[in-house]
């Protein structure tokens, strides 16, 4: 269970609709909703890109499960990382 002290790292959604309009849109929408909630914190895209550089990765790399695990480890995010496989 998440608490108000936990930070959320949003990963990429796997768009299976063949509609390119949904590429990135769902993640952006969820990020906006989380930012508006007083009960949640999410890691900023700036921090994610900086961490990707520290990992010797391109700042434009997709945040897949494996990449997210590395980011969580380097940012000291909560020890339990749960991957939600969401295919749209």
PDB file of N, CA and C in Angstrom:
ATOM      1  N   UNK A   1       0.844  -1.173   0.000  1.00  0.00           N
ATOM      2  CA  UNK A   1       0.000   0.000   0.000  1.00  0.00           C
ATOM      3  C   UNK A   1       0.892   1.240   0.000  1.00  0.00           C
ATOM      4  N   UNK A   2       0.531   2.192  -0.825  1.00  0.00           N
ATOM      5  CA  UNK A   2       1.287   3.439  -0.903  1.00  0.00           C
ATOM      6  C   UNK A   2       0.871   4.386   0.209  1.00  0.00           C
ATOM      7  N   UNK A   3       1.840   5.155   0.663  1.00  0.00           N
ATOM      8  CA  UNK A   3       1.553   6.198   1.640  1.00  0.00           C
ATOM      9  C   UNK A   3       1.912   7.541   1.028  1.00  0.00           C
ATOM     10  N   UNK A   4       1.619   8.623   1.742  1.00  0.00           N
ATOM     11  CA  UNK A   4       1.940   9.949   1.229  1.00  0.00           C
ATOM     12  C   UNK A   4       3.445  10.210   1.223  1.00  0.00           C
ATOM     13  N   UNK A   5       4.218   9.306   1.789  1.00  0.00           N
ATOM     14  CA  UNK A   5       5.679   9.435   1.805  1.00  0.00           C
ATOM     15  C   UNK A   5       6.334   8.732   0.617  1.00  0.00           C
ATOM     16  N   UNK A   6       5.575   7.910  -0.105  1.00  0.00           N
ATOM     17  CA  UNK A   6       6.107   7.171  -1.240  1.00  0.00           C
ATOM     18  C   UNK A   6       6.125   8.034  -2.495  1.00  0.00           C
ATOM     19  N   UNK A   7       7.112   7.772  -3.337  1.00  0.00           N
ATOM     20  CA  UNK A   7       7.211   8.458  -4.623  1.00  0.00           C
ATOM     21  C   UNK A   7       6.928   7.447  -5.721  1.00  0.00           C
ATOM     22  N   UNK A   8       6.141   7.858  -6.687  1.00  0.00           N
ATOM     23  CA  UNK A   8       5.715   6.978  -7.769  1.00  0.00           C
ATOM     24  C   UNK A   8       6.551   7.272  -9.013  1.00  0.00           C
ATOM     25  N   UNK A   9       7.028   6.224  -9.653  1.00  0.00           N
ATOM     26  CA  UNK A   9       7.710   6.349 -10.936  1.00  0.00           C
ATOM     27  C   UNK A   9       6.777   5.795 -12.004  1.00  0.00           C
ATOM     28  N   UNK A  10       6.366   6.635 -12.923  1.00  0.00           N
ATOM     29  CA  UNK A  10       5.492   6.194 -14.005  1.00  0.00           C
ATOM     30  C   UNK A  10       6.334   5.621 -15.133  1.00  0.00           C
ATOM     31  N   UNK A  11       5.943   4.473 -15.612  1.00  0.00           N
ATOM     32  CA  UNK A  11       6.625   3.859 -16.739  1.00  0.00           C
ATOM     33  C   UNK A  11       5.778   4.057 -17.988  1.00  0.00           C
ATOM     34  N   UNK A  12       6.285   3.571 -19.090  1.00  0.00           N
ATOM     35  CA  UNK A  12       5.574   3.710 -20.356  1.00  0.00           C
ATOM     36  C   UNK A  12       4.422   2.705 -20.436  1.00  0.00           C
ATOM     37  N   UNK A  13       3.376   3.101 -21.120  1.00  0.00           N
ATOM     38  CA  UNK A  13       2.275   2.197 -21.409  1.00  0.00           C
ATOM     39  C   UNK A  13       2.558   1.520 -22.741  1.00  0.00           C
ATOM     40  N   UNK A  14       2.153   0.290 -22.864  1.00  0.00           N
ATOM     41  CA  UNK A  14       2.318  -0.455 -24.100  1.00  0.00           C
ATOM     42  C   UNK A  14       1.046  -0.290 -24.920  1.00  0.00           C
ATOM     43  N   UNK A  15       1.079   0.619 -25.875  1.00  0.00           N
ATOM     44  CA  UNK A  15      -0.086   0.935 -26.700  1.00  0.00           C
ATOM     45  C   UNK A  15      -0.299  -0.155 -27.747  1.00  0.00           C
ATOM     46  N   UNK A  16      -1.336  -0.945 -27.563  1.00  0.00           N
ATOM     47  CA  UNK A  16      -1.658  -2.026 -28.488  1.00  0.00           C
ATOM     48  C   UNK A  16      -2.844  -1.687 -29.389  1.00  0.00           C
ATOM     49  N   UNK A  17      -3.226  -0.406 -29.440  1.00  0.00           N
ATOM     50  CA  UNK A  17      -4.411  -0.019 -30.197  1.00  0.00           C
ATOM     51  C   UNK A  17      -4.132   0.276 -31.661  1.00  0.00           C
ATOM     52  N   UNK A  18      -2.864   0.358 -32.053  1.00  0.00           N
ATOM     53  CA  UNK A  18      -2.475   0.781 -33.402  1.00  0.00           C
ATOM     54  C   UNK A  18      -2.887   2.217 -33.692  1.00  0.00           C
ATOM     55  N   UNK A  19      -3.191   2.966 -32.650  1.00  0.00           N
ATOM     56  CA  UNK A  19      -3.535   4.384 -32.772  1.00  0.00           C
ATOM     57  C   UNK A  19      -2.384   5.200 -32.169  1.00  0.00           C
ATOM     58  N   UNK A  20      -1.542   5.812 -33.008  1.00  0.00           N
ATOM     59  CA  UNK A  20      -0.383   6.535 -32.495  1.00  0.00           C
ATOM     60  C   UNK A  20      -0.738   7.703 -31.577  1.00  0.00           C
ATOM     61  N   UNK A  21      -1.962   8.171 -31.641  1.00  0.00           N
ATOM     62  CA  UNK A  21      -2.367   9.292 -30.790  1.00  0.00           C
ATOM     63  C   UNK A  21      -2.247   8.937 -29.303  1.00  0.00           C
ATOM     64  N   UNK A  22      -2.307   7.640 -28.983  1.00  0.00           N
ATOM     65  CA  UNK A  22      -2.219   7.219 -27.588  1.00  0.00           C
ATOM     66  C   UNK A  22      -0.781   7.047 -27.094  1.00  0.00           C
ATOM     67  N   UNK A  23       0.205   7.109 -27.992  1.00  0.00           N
ATOM     68  CA  UNK A  23       1.602   6.993 -27.584  1.00  0.00           C
ATOM     69  C   UNK A  23       1.953   8.164 -26.661  1.00  0.00           C
ATOM     70  N   UNK A  24       2.232   7.872 -25.422  1.00  0.00           N
ATOM     71  CA  UNK A  24       2.605   8.915 -24.471  1.00  0.00           C
ATOM     72  C   UNK A  24       1.449   9.658 -23.842  1.00  0.00           C
ATOM     73  N   UNK A  25       0.289   9.655 -24.484  1.00  0.00           N
ATOM     74  CA  UNK A  25      -0.844  10.424 -23.990  1.00  0.00           C
ATOM     75  C   UNK A  25      -1.361   9.889 -22.663  1.00  0.00           C
ATOM     76  N   UNK A  26      -1.473   8.578 -22.538  1.00  0.00           N
ATOM     77  CA  UNK A  26      -1.993   7.988 -21.306  1.00  0.00           C
ATOM     78  C   UNK A  26      -1.068   8.262 -20.124  1.00  0.00           C
ATOM     79  N   UNK A  27       0.234   8.140 -20.365  1.00  0.00           N
ATOM     80  CA  UNK A  27       1.195   8.413 -19.299  1.00  0.00           C
ATOM     81  C   UNK A  27       1.115   9.877 -18.874  1.00  0.00           C
ATOM     82  N   UNK A  28       1.017  10.785 -19.851  1.00  0.00           N
ATOM     83  CA  UNK A  28       0.909  12.209 -19.534  1.00  0.00           C
ATOM     84  C   UNK A  28      -0.347  12.501 -18.729  1.00  0.00           C
ATOM     85  N   UNK A  29      -1.463  11.921 -19.125  1.00  0.00           N
ATOM     86  CA  UNK A  29      -2.718  12.139 -18.411  1.00  0.00           C
ATOM     87  C   UNK A  29      -2.655  11.658 -16.977  1.00  0.00           C
ATOM     88  N   UNK A  30      -2.076  10.484 -16.777  1.00  0.00           N
ATOM     89  CA  UNK A  30      -1.942   9.953 -15.428  1.00  0.00           C
ATOM     90  C   UNK A  30      -0.990  10.813 -14.603  1.00  0.00           C
ATOM     91  N   UNK A  31       0.086  11.287 -15.228  1.00  0.00           N
ATOM     92  CA  UNK A  31       1.048  12.141 -14.520  1.00  0.00           C
ATOM     93  C   UNK A  31       0.378  13.422 -14.039  1.00  0.00           C
ATOM     94  N   UNK A  32      -0.450  14.022 -14.872  1.00  0.00           N
ATOM     95  CA  UNK A  32      -1.161  15.251 -14.492  1.00  0.00           C
ATOM     96  C   UNK A  32      -2.089  14.980 -13.316  1.00  0.00           C
ATOM     97  N   UNK A  33      -2.818  13.872 -13.384  1.00  0.00           N
ATOM     98  CA  UNK A  33      -3.730  13.527 -12.289  1.00  0.00           C
ATOM     99  C   UNK A  33      -2.978  13.303 -10.981  1.00  0.00           C
ATOM    100  N   UNK A  34      -1.846  12.624 -11.046  1.00  0.00           N
ATOM    101  CA  UNK A  34      -1.058  12.375  -9.837  1.00  0.00           C
ATOM    102  C   UNK A  34      -0.495  13.667  -9.261  1.00  0.00           C
ATOM    103  N   UNK A  35      -0.091  14.588 -10.119  1.00  0.00           N
ATOM    104  CA  UNK A  35       0.447  15.865  -9.653  1.00  0.00           C
ATOM    105  C   UNK A  35      -0.619  16.691  -8.937  1.00  0.00           C
ATOM    106  N   UNK A  36      -1.860  16.514  -9.312  1.00  0.00           N
ATOM    107  CA  UNK A  36      -2.954  17.274  -8.701  1.00  0.00           C
ATOM    108  C   UNK A  36      -3.398  16.679  -7.364  1.00  0.00           C
ATOM    109  N   UNK A  37      -2.999  15.466  -7.091  1.00  0.00           N
ATOM    110  CA  UNK A  37      -3.407  14.807  -5.856  1.00  0.00           C
ATOM    111  C   UNK A  37      -2.478  15.198  -4.703  1.00  0.00           C
ATOM    112  N   UNK A  38      -3.053  15.620  -3.577  1.00  0.00           N
ATOM    113  CA  UNK A  38      -2.210  15.952  -2.426  1.00  0.00           C
ATOM    114  C   UNK A  38      -1.671  14.698  -1.723  1.00  0.00           C
ATOM    115  N   UNK A  39      -2.151  13.529  -2.118  1.00  0.00           N
ATOM    116  CA  UNK A  39      -1.773  12.290  -1.441  1.00  0.00           C
ATOM    117  C   UNK A  39      -0.715  11.487  -2.184  1.00  0.00           C
ATOM    118  N   UNK A  40      -0.213  12.015  -3.290  1.00  0.00           N
ATOM    119  CA  UNK A  40       0.796  11.263  -4.024  1.00  0.00           C
ATOM    120  C   UNK A  40       1.890  12.185  -4.539  1.00  0.00           C
ATOM    121  N   UNK A  41       3.056  11.599  -4.698  1.00  0.00           N
ATOM    122  CA  UNK A  41       4.192  12.304  -5.284  1.00  0.00           C
ATOM    123  C   UNK A  41       4.733  11.427  -6.396  1.00  0.00           C
ATOM    124  N   UNK A  42       5.100  12.044  -7.496  1.00  0.00           N
ATOM    125  CA  UNK A  42       5.728  11.273  -8.563  1.00  0.00           C
ATOM    126  C   UNK A  42       7.075  11.900  -8.886  1.00  0.00           C
ATOM    127  N   UNK A  43       8.001  11.066  -9.315  1.00  0.00           N
ATOM    128  CA  UNK A  43       9.329  11.539  -9.674  1.00  0.00           C
ATOM    129  C   UNK A  43       9.213  12.354 -10.963  1.00  0.00           C
ATOM    130  N   UNK A  44       9.869  13.475 -11.015  1.00  0.00           N
ATOM    131  CA  UNK A  44       9.753  14.366 -12.170  1.00  0.00           C
ATOM    132  C   UNK A  44      10.484  13.788 -13.377  1.00  0.00           C
ATOM    133  N   UNK A  45      10.039  14.200 -14.555  1.00  0.00           N
ATOM    134  CA  UNK A  45      10.704  13.780 -15.780  1.00  0.00           C
ATOM    135  C   UNK A  45      12.148  14.271 -15.810  1.00  0.00           C
ATOM    136  N   UNK A  46      12.409  15.416 -15.202  1.00  0.00           N
ATOM    137  CA  UNK A  46      13.772  15.952 -15.138  1.00  0.00           C
ATOM    138  C   UNK A  46      14.663  14.999 -14.349  1.00  0.00           C
ATOM    139  N   UNK A  47      14.168  14.513 -13.195  1.00  0.00           N
ATOM    140  CA  UNK A  47      14.939  13.556 -12.386  1.00  0.00           C
ATOM    141  C   UNK A  47      15.114  12.234 -13.115  1.00  0.00           C
ATOM    142  N   UNK A  48      14.086  11.813 -13.823  1.00  0.00           N
ATOM    143  CA  UNK A  48      14.184  10.562 -14.579  1.00  0.00           C
ATOM    144  C   UNK A  48      15.260  10.695 -15.649  1.00  0.00           C
ATOM    145  N   UNK A  49      15.244  11.794 -16.419  1.00  0.00           N
ATOM    146  CA  UNK A  49      16.245  11.988 -17.475  1.00  0.00           C
ATOM    147  C   UNK A  49      17.657  12.073 -16.895  1.00  0.00           C
ATOM    148  N   UNK A  50      17.808  12.767 -15.769  1.00  0.00           N
ATOM    149  CA  UNK A  50      19.124  12.875 -15.124  1.00  0.00           C
ATOM    150  C   UNK A  50      19.614  11.506 -14.676  1.00  0.00           C
ATOM    151  N   UNK A  51      18.712  10.700 -14.148  1.00  0.00           N
ATOM    152  CA  UNK A  51      19.082   9.361 -13.697  1.00  0.00           C
ATOM    153  C   UNK A  51      19.443   8.471 -14.883  1.00  0.00           C
ATOM    154  N   UNK A  52      18.714   8.610 -15.977  1.00  0.00           N
ATOM    155  CA  UNK A  52      19.048   7.849 -17.179  1.00  0.00           C
ATOM    156  C   UNK A  52      20.467   8.173 -17.641  1.00  0.00           C
ATOM    157  N   UNK A  53      20.847   9.453 -17.592  1.00  0.00           N
ATOM    158  CA  UNK A  53      22.217   9.833 -17.970  1.00  0.00           C
ATOM    159  C   UNK A  53      23.235   9.181 -17.037  1.00  0.00           C
ATOM    160  N   UNK A  54      22.933   9.155 -15.725  1.00  0.00           N
ATOM    161  CA  UNK A  54      23.835   8.500 -14.770  1.00  0.00           C
ATOM    162  C   UNK A  54      23.970   7.009 -15.053  1.00  0.00           C
ATOM    163  N   UNK A  55      22.950   6.435 -15.652  1.00  0.00           N
ATOM    164  CA  UNK A  55      22.942   5.012 -15.991  1.00  0.00           C
ATOM    165  C   UNK A  55      23.583   4.763 -17.363  1.00  0.00           C
ATOM    166  N   UNK A  56      24.164   5.816 -17.952  1.00  0.00           N
ATOM    167  CA  UNK A  56      24.776   5.750 -19.288  1.00  0.00           C
ATOM    168  C   UNK A  56      23.760   5.361 -20.356  1.00  0.00           C
ATOM    169  N   UNK A  57      22.559   5.892 -20.198  1.00  0.00           N
ATOM    170  CA  UNK A  57      21.491   5.649 -21.160  1.00  0.00           C
ATOM    171  C   UNK A  57      21.087   6.981 -21.774  1.00  0.00           C
ATOM    172  N   UNK A  58      20.428   6.922 -22.907  1.00  0.00           N
ATOM    173  CA  UNK A  58      19.905   8.129 -23.525  1.00  0.00           C
ATOM    174  C   UNK A  58      18.759   8.665 -22.677  1.00  0.00           C
ATOM    175  N   UNK A  59      18.681   9.984 -22.553  1.00  0.00           N
ATOM    176  CA  UNK A  59      17.585  10.558 -21.771  1.00  0.00           C
ATOM    177  C   UNK A  59      16.233  10.353 -22.445  1.00  0.00           C
ATOM    178  N   UNK A  60      16.244   9.897 -23.677  1.00  0.00           N
ATOM    179  CA  UNK A  60      14.999   9.631 -24.405  1.00  0.00           C
ATOM    180  C   UNK A  60      14.598   8.164 -24.374  1.00  0.00           C
ATOM    181  N   UNK A  61      15.364   7.323 -23.662  1.00  0.00           N
ATOM    182  CA  UNK A  61      15.023   5.902 -23.566  1.00  0.00           C
ATOM    183  C   UNK A  61      13.651   5.718 -22.933  1.00  0.00           C
ATOM    184  N   UNK A  62      12.941   4.704 -23.403  1.00  0.00           N
ATOM    185  CA  UNK A  62      11.658   4.357 -22.787  1.00  0.00           C
ATOM    186  C   UNK A  62      11.907   3.807 -21.395  1.00  0.00           C
ATOM    187  N   UNK A  63      11.037   4.146 -20.474  1.00  0.00           N
ATOM    188  CA  UNK A  63      11.156   3.644 -19.106  1.00  0.00           C
ATOM    189  C   UNK A  63      10.399   2.322 -19.029  1.00  0.00           C
ATOM    190  N   UNK A  64      11.122   1.261 -19.344  1.00  0.00           N
ATOM    191  CA  UNK A  64      10.578  -0.088 -19.284  1.00  0.00           C
ATOM    192  C   UNK A  64      10.713  -0.599 -17.855  1.00  0.00           C
ATOM    193  N   UNK A  65      10.270  -1.807 -17.610  1.00  0.00           N
ATOM    194  CA  UNK A  65      10.356  -2.401 -16.277  1.00  0.00           C
ATOM    195  C   UNK A  65      11.797  -2.433 -15.782  1.00  0.00           C
ATOM    196  N   UNK A  66      12.700  -2.917 -16.635  1.00  0.00           N
ATOM    197  CA  UNK A  66      14.094  -3.041 -16.234  1.00  0.00           C
ATOM    198  C   UNK A  66      14.726  -1.676 -15.954  1.00  0.00           C
ATOM    199  N   UNK A  67      14.441  -0.725 -16.813  1.00  0.00           N
ATOM    200  CA  UNK A  67      14.976   0.629 -16.627  1.00  0.00           C
ATOM    201  C   UNK A  67      14.400   1.242 -15.354  1.00  0.00           C
ATOM    202  N   UNK A  68      13.117   1.043 -15.128  1.00  0.00           N
ATOM    203  CA  UNK A  68      12.470   1.594 -13.928  1.00  0.00           C
ATOM    204  C   UNK A  68      13.083   1.030 -12.653  1.00  0.00           C
ATOM    205  N   UNK A  69      13.408  -0.245 -12.663  1.00  0.00           N
ATOM    206  CA  UNK A  69      14.049  -0.837 -11.488  1.00  0.00           C
ATOM    207  C   UNK A  69      15.377  -0.154 -11.196  1.00  0.00           C
ATOM    208  N   UNK A  70      16.157   0.127 -12.238  1.00  0.00           N
ATOM    209  CA  UNK A  70      17.422   0.831 -12.061  1.00  0.00           C
ATOM    210  C   UNK A  70      17.230   2.242 -11.546  1.00  0.00           C
ATOM    211  N   UNK A  71      16.232   2.943 -12.062  1.00  0.00           N
ATOM    212  CA  UNK A  71      15.945   4.304 -11.602  1.00  0.00           C
ATOM    213  C   UNK A  71      15.529   4.286 -10.138  1.00  0.00           C
ATOM    214  N   UNK A  72      14.635   3.367  -9.785  1.00  0.00           N
ATOM    215  CA  UNK A  72      14.181   3.271  -8.388  1.00  0.00           C
ATOM    216  C   UNK A  72      15.361   3.024  -7.454  1.00  0.00           C
ATOM    217  N   UNK A  73      16.243   2.132  -7.860  1.00  0.00           N
ATOM    218  CA  UNK A  73      17.406   1.817  -7.029  1.00  0.00           C
ATOM    219  C   UNK A  73      18.292   3.048  -6.865  1.00  0.00           C
ATOM    220  N   UNK A  74      18.574   3.753  -7.938  1.00  0.00           N
ATOM    221  CA  UNK A  74      19.475   4.900  -7.879  1.00  0.00           C
ATOM    222  C   UNK A  74      18.853   6.099  -7.166  1.00  0.00           C
ATOM    223  N   UNK A  75      17.540   6.212  -7.206  1.00  0.00           N
ATOM    224  CA  UNK A  75      16.867   7.340  -6.569  1.00  0.00           C
ATOM    225  C   UNK A  75      16.441   7.037  -5.138  1.00  0.00           C
ATOM    226  N   UNK A  76      16.677   5.793  -4.698  1.00  0.00           N
ATOM    227  CA  UNK A  76      16.319   5.433  -3.331  1.00  0.00           C
ATOM    228  C   UNK A  76      14.817   5.415  -3.100  1.00  0.00           C
ATOM    229  N   UNK A  77      14.081   5.071  -4.147  1.00  0.00           N
ATOM    230  CA  UNK A  77      12.633   4.987  -4.000  1.00  0.00           C
ATOM    231  C   UNK A  77      12.286   3.738  -3.208  1.00  0.00           C
ATOM    232  N   UNK A  78      11.069   3.662  -2.715  1.00  0.00           N
ATOM    233  CA  UNK A  78      10.632   2.559  -1.850  1.00  0.00           C
ATOM    234  C   UNK A  78      11.134   1.216  -2.344  1.00  0.00           C
ATOM    235  N   UNK A  79      11.460   0.374  -1.425  1.00  0.00           N
ATOM    236  CA  UNK A  79      12.106  -0.888  -1.751  1.00  0.00           C
ATOM    237  C   UNK A  79      11.206  -1.840  -2.535  1.00  0.00           C
ATOM    238  N   UNK A  80       9.915  -1.701  -2.419  1.00  0.00           N
ATOM    239  CA  UNK A  80       9.010  -2.594  -3.134  1.00  0.00           C
ATOM    240  C   UNK A  80       8.568  -1.900  -4.416  1.00  0.00           C
ATOM    241  N   UNK A  81       8.917  -2.506  -5.517  1.00  0.00           N
ATOM    242  CA  UNK A  81       8.519  -1.973  -6.818  1.00  0.00           C
ATOM    243  C   UNK A  81       7.545  -2.965  -7.424  1.00  0.00           C
ATOM    244  N   UNK A  82       6.382  -2.497  -7.746  1.00  0.00           N
ATOM    245  CA  UNK A  82       5.376  -3.385  -8.339  1.00  0.00           C
ATOM    246  C   UNK A  82       5.159  -2.975  -9.777  1.00  0.00           C
ATOM    247  N   UNK A  83       5.345  -3.917 -10.649  1.00  0.00           N
ATOM    248  CA  UNK A  83       5.167  -3.672 -12.083  1.00  0.00           C
ATOM    249  C   UNK A  83       3.722  -3.979 -12.440  1.00  0.00           C
ATOM    250  N   UNK A  84       3.062  -3.016 -13.032  1.00  0.00           N
ATOM    251  CA  UNK A  84       1.695  -3.222 -13.509  1.00  0.00           C
ATOM    252  C   UNK A  84       1.754  -3.283 -15.025  1.00  0.00           C
ATOM    253  N   UNK A  85       1.428  -4.428 -15.571  1.00  0.00           N
ATOM    254  CA  UNK A  85       1.466  -4.609 -17.012  1.00  0.00           C
ATOM    255  C   UNK A  85       0.148  -4.116 -17.582  1.00  0.00           C
ATOM    256  N   UNK A  86       0.171  -2.917 -18.103  1.00  0.00           N
ATOM    257  CA  UNK A  86      -1.044  -2.293 -18.625  1.00  0.00           C
ATOM    258  C   UNK A  86      -0.919  -2.138 -20.128  1.00  0.00           C
ATOM    259  N   UNK A  87      -1.666  -2.922 -20.850  1.00  0.00           N
ATOM    260  CA  UNK A  87      -1.639  -2.839 -22.319  1.00  0.00           C
ATOM    261  C   UNK A  87      -2.925  -2.201 -22.779  1.00  0.00           C
ATOM    262  N   UNK A  88      -2.778  -1.093 -23.477  1.00  0.00           N
ATOM    263  CA  UNK A  88      -3.948  -0.351 -23.939  1.00  0.00           C
ATOM    264  C   UNK A  88      -4.183  -0.631 -25.395  1.00  0.00           C
TER     265      UNK A  88
END
